[in-house]
Amino acid sequence: MAGYSDTPLVKKLGIAEGFKILTIDAPPGYRALISPLPASVSFAAKADASTNFVHAFAMRRVVLERLRGKPP
């Protein structure tokens, strides 16, 4: 993938071996963008105490604030 660095996106994001990831409104092809993943990385349907990484995508600030739990 072309970019300003040879560092893989998964490393830039800090995703490590064994992480449990929750994505919120991820774009199509998200998993391909962060591949290859470290060993034993899994994806969750919802956050819990074992979730290590949450990657949320929002096109509008009000949506992001709602995700953060801030009132509009």
N, C-alpha and C. Protein backbone atom coordinates (compact mmCIF):
# COMPACT_ATOMS: atom_id res chain seq x y z
N MET A 1 0.85 -1.18 0.00
CA MET A 1 0.00 0.00 0.00
C MET A 1 0.89 1.23 0.00
N ALA A 2 0.57 2.17 -0.85
CA ALA A 2 1.35 3.40 -0.93
C ALA A 2 1.11 4.25 0.30
N GLY A 3 2.11 4.99 0.71
CA GLY A 3 1.97 5.84 1.88
C GLY A 3 3.26 6.53 2.20
N TYR A 4 3.28 7.20 3.31
CA TYR A 4 4.44 7.98 3.70
C TYR A 4 5.44 7.18 4.51
N SER A 5 5.15 5.93 4.77
CA SER A 5 6.01 5.13 5.62
C SER A 5 5.92 3.66 5.23
N ASP A 6 6.97 2.92 5.51
CA ASP A 6 6.94 1.49 5.29
C ASP A 6 6.34 0.74 6.47
N THR A 7 6.00 1.45 7.53
CA THR A 7 5.43 0.82 8.72
C THR A 7 4.00 0.37 8.42
N PRO A 8 3.68 -0.91 8.65
CA PRO A 8 2.32 -1.39 8.40
C PRO A 8 1.30 -0.68 9.28
N LEU A 9 0.10 -0.49 8.75
CA LEU A 9 -0.96 0.20 9.48
C LEU A 9 -1.26 -0.48 10.81
N VAL A 10 -1.28 -1.80 10.82
CA VAL A 10 -1.58 -2.52 12.06
C VAL A 10 -0.58 -2.16 13.16
N LYS A 11 0.67 -1.96 12.79
CA LYS A 11 1.68 -1.56 13.77
C LYS A 11 1.48 -0.11 14.21
N LYS A 12 1.15 0.77 13.26
CA LYS A 12 0.89 2.17 13.60
C LYS A 12 -0.27 2.29 14.58
N LEU A 13 -1.26 1.41 14.44
CA LEU A 13 -2.42 1.43 15.34
C LEU A 13 -2.12 0.80 16.69
N GLY A 14 -1.03 0.08 16.79
CA GLY A 14 -0.65 -0.53 18.05
C GLY A 14 -1.33 -1.85 18.34
N ILE A 15 -1.88 -2.48 17.31
CA ILE A 15 -2.55 -3.76 17.47
C ILE A 15 -1.49 -4.84 17.65
N ALA A 16 -1.59 -5.58 18.74
CA ALA A 16 -0.58 -6.58 19.08
C ALA A 16 -1.18 -7.98 19.14
N GLU A 17 -0.30 -8.94 19.24
CA GLU A 17 -0.69 -10.35 19.32
C GLU A 17 -1.69 -10.56 20.45
N GLY A 18 -2.76 -11.31 20.14
CA GLY A 18 -3.76 -11.65 21.15
C GLY A 18 -4.81 -10.58 21.41
N PHE A 19 -4.74 -9.44 20.72
CA PHE A 19 -5.72 -8.38 20.96
C PHE A 19 -7.12 -8.83 20.56
N LYS A 20 -8.10 -8.32 21.29
CA LYS A 20 -9.51 -8.46 20.94
C LYS A 20 -9.96 -7.08 20.48
N ILE A 21 -10.44 -6.98 19.24
CA ILE A 21 -10.76 -5.71 18.60
C ILE A 21 -12.26 -5.56 18.40
N LEU A 22 -12.76 -4.38 18.71
CA LEU A 22 -14.14 -4.01 18.39
C LEU A 22 -14.07 -2.89 17.37
N THR A 23 -14.78 -3.05 16.26
CA THR A 23 -14.87 -1.95 15.29
C THR A 23 -16.30 -1.44 15.28
N ILE A 24 -16.42 -0.14 15.11
CA ILE A 24 -17.73 0.51 15.04
C ILE A 24 -17.80 1.25 13.72
N ASP A 25 -18.73 0.84 12.87
CA ASP A 25 -18.94 1.45 11.55
C ASP A 25 -17.67 1.48 10.70
N ALA A 26 -16.91 0.39 10.75
CA ALA A 26 -15.69 0.28 9.95
C ALA A 26 -16.05 0.27 8.46
N PRO A 27 -15.21 0.86 7.63
CA PRO A 27 -15.48 0.87 6.19
C PRO A 27 -15.31 -0.52 5.59
N PRO A 28 -15.92 -0.74 4.42
CA PRO A 28 -15.72 -2.02 3.73
C PRO A 28 -14.22 -2.23 3.49
N GLY A 29 -13.78 -3.44 3.67
CA GLY A 29 -12.37 -3.74 3.44
C GLY A 29 -11.45 -3.39 4.59
N TYR A 30 -12.00 -3.03 5.73
CA TYR A 30 -11.19 -2.63 6.88
C TYR A 30 -10.17 -3.70 7.26
N ARG A 31 -10.63 -4.93 7.36
CA ARG A 31 -9.72 -6.01 7.78
C ARG A 31 -8.59 -6.19 6.77
N ALA A 32 -8.87 -6.02 5.51
CA ALA A 32 -7.81 -6.12 4.49
C ALA A 32 -6.80 -4.99 4.66
N LEU A 33 -7.26 -3.81 5.06
CA LEU A 33 -6.36 -2.67 5.25
C LEU A 33 -5.37 -2.89 6.39
N ILE A 34 -5.80 -3.61 7.41
CA ILE A 34 -4.91 -3.81 8.56
C ILE A 34 -4.20 -5.16 8.53
N SER A 35 -4.39 -5.92 7.48
CA SER A 35 -3.72 -7.22 7.35
C SER A 35 -2.28 -7.04 6.89
N PRO A 36 -1.42 -7.96 7.24
CA PRO A 36 -1.67 -9.14 8.06
C PRO A 36 -1.72 -8.79 9.54
N LEU A 37 -2.57 -9.50 10.24
CA LEU A 37 -2.74 -9.28 11.68
C LEU A 37 -1.77 -10.15 12.47
N PRO A 38 -1.37 -9.67 13.64
CA PRO A 38 -0.57 -10.51 14.53
C PRO A 38 -1.36 -11.77 14.93
N ALA A 39 -0.65 -12.75 15.43
CA ALA A 39 -1.27 -14.01 15.83
C ALA A 39 -2.35 -13.80 16.89
N SER A 40 -3.37 -14.60 16.80
CA SER A 40 -4.44 -14.68 17.82
C SER A 40 -5.25 -13.40 17.98
N VAL A 41 -5.25 -12.51 17.00
CA VAL A 41 -6.12 -11.34 17.06
C VAL A 41 -7.53 -11.80 16.73
N SER A 42 -8.51 -11.30 17.49
CA SER A 42 -9.90 -11.64 17.22
C SER A 42 -10.74 -10.37 17.21
N PHE A 43 -11.93 -10.49 16.63
CA PHE A 43 -12.85 -9.37 16.54
C PHE A 43 -14.08 -9.67 17.38
N ALA A 44 -14.56 -8.65 18.10
CA ALA A 44 -15.70 -8.80 18.99
C ALA A 44 -16.91 -8.07 18.43
N ALA A 45 -18.09 -8.53 18.80
CA ALA A 45 -19.33 -7.87 18.40
C ALA A 45 -19.69 -6.72 19.33
N LYS A 46 -19.18 -6.78 20.58
CA LYS A 46 -19.42 -5.70 21.53
C LYS A 46 -18.25 -5.68 22.52
N ALA A 47 -18.07 -4.54 23.15
CA ALA A 47 -16.96 -4.38 24.10
C ALA A 47 -17.27 -5.08 25.41
N ASP A 48 -16.22 -5.63 25.99
CA ASP A 48 -16.31 -6.17 27.34
C ASP A 48 -14.94 -5.98 28.00
N ALA A 49 -14.76 -6.54 29.17
CA ALA A 49 -13.52 -6.33 29.91
C ALA A 49 -12.28 -6.85 29.20
N SER A 50 -12.47 -7.77 28.25
CA SER A 50 -11.31 -8.33 27.54
C SER A 50 -10.99 -7.61 26.23
N THR A 51 -11.75 -6.58 25.89
CA THR A 51 -11.50 -5.83 24.66
C THR A 51 -10.27 -4.96 24.84
N ASN A 52 -9.32 -5.08 23.92
CA ASN A 52 -8.07 -4.32 23.99
C ASN A 52 -8.08 -3.07 23.12
N PHE A 53 -8.89 -3.08 22.07
CA PHE A 53 -8.78 -2.03 21.06
C PHE A 53 -10.15 -1.78 20.47
N VAL A 54 -10.57 -0.51 20.46
CA VAL A 54 -11.82 -0.11 19.83
C VAL A 54 -11.48 0.89 18.74
N HIS A 55 -11.93 0.62 17.52
CA HIS A 55 -11.67 1.51 16.40
C HIS A 55 -13.02 1.95 15.86
N ALA A 56 -13.37 3.21 16.13
CA ALA A 56 -14.66 3.76 15.73
C ALA A 56 -14.47 4.74 14.58
N PHE A 57 -15.42 4.70 13.66
CA PHE A 57 -15.40 5.59 12.49
C PHE A 57 -16.67 6.41 12.50
N ALA A 58 -16.54 7.71 12.31
CA ALA A 58 -17.70 8.59 12.28
C ALA A 58 -17.46 9.69 11.25
N MET A 59 -18.48 10.00 10.50
CA MET A 59 -18.38 11.05 9.49
C MET A 59 -18.81 12.42 10.04
N ARG A 60 -19.54 12.40 11.16
CA ARG A 60 -20.01 13.65 11.74
C ARG A 60 -19.65 13.70 13.21
N ARG A 61 -19.34 14.88 13.67
CA ARG A 61 -18.93 15.07 15.07
C ARG A 61 -20.00 14.61 16.05
N VAL A 62 -21.26 14.86 15.74
CA VAL A 62 -22.35 14.48 16.65
C VAL A 62 -22.37 12.96 16.85
N VAL A 63 -22.06 12.21 15.82
CA VAL A 63 -22.00 10.75 15.93
C VAL A 63 -20.85 10.34 16.84
N LEU A 64 -19.70 10.96 16.65
CA LEU A 64 -18.54 10.66 17.49
C LEU A 64 -18.83 11.01 18.95
N GLU A 65 -19.45 12.14 19.18
CA GLU A 65 -19.78 12.53 20.55
C GLU A 65 -20.76 11.55 21.18
N ARG A 66 -21.69 11.04 20.40
CA ARG A 66 -22.63 10.04 20.91
C ARG A 66 -21.89 8.77 21.29
N LEU A 67 -20.93 8.38 20.48
CA LEU A 67 -20.12 7.19 20.79
C LEU A 67 -19.32 7.38 22.07
N ARG A 68 -18.87 8.58 22.31
CA ARG A 68 -18.09 8.90 23.51
C ARG A 68 -18.97 9.06 24.74
N GLY A 69 -20.29 9.12 24.54
CA GLY A 69 -21.20 9.28 25.66
C GLY A 69 -21.45 10.72 26.03
N LYS A 70 -21.02 11.66 25.16
CA LYS A 70 -21.29 13.08 25.42
C LYS A 70 -22.67 13.44 24.88
N PRO A 71 -23.43 14.22 25.63
CA PRO A 71 -24.73 14.67 25.08
C PRO A 71 -24.49 15.67 23.95
N PRO A 72 -25.37 15.65 22.95
CA PRO A 72 -25.23 16.59 21.81
C PRO A 72 -25.41 18.03 22.21
